[in-house]
Amino acid sequence: MATKTYKRDAIFADLSDFCYLSKKDAYIEITEWTNGEGYDIIINSHQSDTFSITRGELRAIKKLVKQLDKKE
């Protein structure tokens, strides 16, 4: 059986730096996919959520949030 070992870039942050509603010890961790096309995201706050998102999906979210923020 052939196997490969990869090193992936990841970043971790305490959610209390960003969200006053987060519980103690809440965190977010983002790991870039090996092919560079997206991210695996873990948000451990009120419950633990893990999801994957492509770079294009992230660009769309950023653009839409920016438009919503302009309404305020």
C-alpha atoms as a PDB file:
ATOM      1  CA  MET A   1       0.000   0.000   0.000  1.00  0.00           C
ATOM      2  CA  ALA A   2       1.429   3.353  -1.051  1.00  0.00           C
ATOM      3  CA  THR A   3       0.957   6.296   1.280  1.00  0.00           C
ATOM      4  CA  LYS A   4       1.869   9.971   1.215  1.00  0.00           C
ATOM      5  CA  THR A   5       2.525  12.365   4.036  1.00  0.00           C
ATOM      6  CA  TYR A   6       1.568  16.019   3.662  1.00  0.00           C
ATOM      7  CA  LYS A   7       2.197  19.152   5.653  1.00  0.00           C
ATOM      8  CA  ARG A   8      -0.722  21.568   5.577  1.00  0.00           C
ATOM      9  CA  ASP A   9      -0.897  25.174   6.729  1.00  0.00           C
ATOM     10  CA  ALA A  10      -3.293  25.814   9.600  1.00  0.00           C
ATOM     11  CA  ILE A  11      -4.194  28.691  11.895  1.00  0.00           C
ATOM     12  CA  PHE A  12      -5.912  28.711  15.292  1.00  0.00           C
ATOM     13  CA  ALA A  13      -7.583  31.481  17.305  1.00  0.00           C
ATOM     14  CA  ASP A  14      -9.534  31.948  20.516  1.00  0.00           C
ATOM     15  CA  LEU A  15     -13.076  32.955  19.509  1.00  0.00           C
ATOM     16  CA  SER A  16     -13.414  35.376  22.430  1.00  0.00           C
ATOM     17  CA  ASP A  17     -11.168  37.745  20.450  1.00  0.00           C
ATOM     18  CA  PHE A  18     -13.902  37.963  17.786  1.00  0.00           C
ATOM     19  CA  CYS A  19     -17.242  37.055  19.358  1.00  0.00           C
ATOM     20  CA  TYR A  20     -18.542  38.212  22.726  1.00  0.00           C
ATOM     21  CA  LEU A  21     -21.168  35.424  22.604  1.00  0.00           C
ATOM     22  CA  SER A  22     -18.549  32.667  22.528  1.00  0.00           C
ATOM     23  CA  LYS A  23     -18.183  30.449  25.540  1.00  0.00           C
ATOM     24  CA  LYS A  24     -14.971  30.018  27.515  1.00  0.00           C
ATOM     25  CA  ASP A  25     -12.359  27.963  25.641  1.00  0.00           C
ATOM     26  CA  ALA A  26     -14.198  28.377  22.294  1.00  0.00           C
ATOM     27  CA  TYR A  27     -11.912  28.360  19.273  1.00  0.00           C
ATOM     28  CA  ILE A  28     -11.697  28.321  15.497  1.00  0.00           C
ATOM     29  CA  GLU A  29      -9.130  26.413  13.450  1.00  0.00           C
ATOM     30  CA  ILE A  30      -8.688  26.691   9.686  1.00  0.00           C
ATOM     31  CA  THR A  31      -6.585  24.259   7.681  1.00  0.00           C
ATOM     32  CA  GLU A  32      -5.777  24.828   4.019  1.00  0.00           C
ATOM     33  CA  TRP A  33      -6.386  21.889   1.691  1.00  0.00           C
ATOM     34  CA  THR A  34      -3.276  20.209   0.320  1.00  0.00           C
ATOM     35  CA  ASN A  35      -4.212  21.275  -3.233  1.00  0.00           C
ATOM     36  CA  GLY A  36      -4.745  24.901  -2.088  1.00  0.00           C
ATOM     37  CA  GLU A  37      -8.322  25.048  -3.417  1.00  0.00           C
ATOM     38  CA  GLY A  38     -10.135  25.402  -0.100  1.00  0.00           C
ATOM     39  CA  TYR A  39     -10.227  25.050   3.664  1.00  0.00           C
ATOM     40  CA  ASP A  40     -11.368  22.725   6.427  1.00  0.00           C
ATOM     41  CA  ILE A  41     -12.835  24.792   9.257  1.00  0.00           C
ATOM     42  CA  ILE A  42     -13.505  23.728  12.842  1.00  0.00           C
ATOM     43  CA  ILE A  43     -15.570  26.048  15.033  1.00  0.00           C
ATOM     44  CA  ASN A  44     -15.784  24.804  18.610  1.00  0.00           C
ATOM     45  CA  SER A  45     -18.135  27.111  20.485  1.00  0.00           C
ATOM     46  CA  HIS A  46     -21.688  26.313  21.591  1.00  0.00           C
ATOM     47  CA  GLN A  47     -21.334  23.045  19.704  1.00  0.00           C
ATOM     48  CA  SER A  48     -18.549  21.689  17.540  1.00  0.00           C
ATOM     49  CA  ASP A  49     -18.986  22.267  13.808  1.00  0.00           C
ATOM     50  CA  THR A  50     -16.650  21.133  11.047  1.00  0.00           C
ATOM     51  CA  PHE A  51     -17.099  22.000   7.397  1.00  0.00           C
ATOM     52  CA  SER A  52     -15.152  22.446   4.182  1.00  0.00           C
ATOM     53  CA  ILE A  53     -15.327  25.406   1.834  1.00  0.00           C
ATOM     54  CA  THR A  54     -13.690  26.201  -1.509  1.00  0.00           C
ATOM     55  CA  ARG A  55     -11.854  29.461  -2.163  1.00  0.00           C
ATOM     56  CA  GLY A  56     -14.657  30.504  -4.547  1.00  0.00           C
ATOM     57  CA  GLU A  57     -17.343  29.875  -1.934  1.00  0.00           C
ATOM     58  CA  LEU A  58     -15.353  31.913   0.582  1.00  0.00           C
ATOM     59  CA  ARG A  59     -15.034  34.809  -1.899  1.00  0.00           C
ATOM     60  CA  ALA A  60     -18.808  34.742  -2.409  1.00  0.00           C
ATOM     61  CA  ILE A  61     -19.466  34.818   1.346  1.00  0.00           C
ATOM     62  CA  LYS A  62     -17.063  37.731   1.841  1.00  0.00           C
ATOM     63  CA  LYS A  63     -18.707  39.709  -0.967  1.00  0.00           C
ATOM     64  CA  LEU A  64     -22.237  39.106   0.279  1.00  0.00           C
ATOM     65  CA  VAL A  65     -21.359  39.963   3.902  1.00  0.00           C
ATOM     66  CA  LYS A  66     -19.678  43.152   2.704  1.00  0.00           C
ATOM     67  CA  GLN A  67     -22.887  44.132   0.867  1.00  0.00           C
ATOM     68  CA  LEU A  68     -24.976  43.413   3.974  1.00  0.00           C
ATOM     69  CA  ASP A  69     -22.624  45.505   6.105  1.00  0.00           C
ATOM     70  CA  LYS A  70     -23.088  48.460   3.741  1.00  0.00           C
ATOM     71  CA  LYS A  71     -26.833  48.443   4.497  1.00  0.00           C
ATOM     72  CA  GLU A  72     -26.132  49.234   8.157  1.00  0.00           C
END
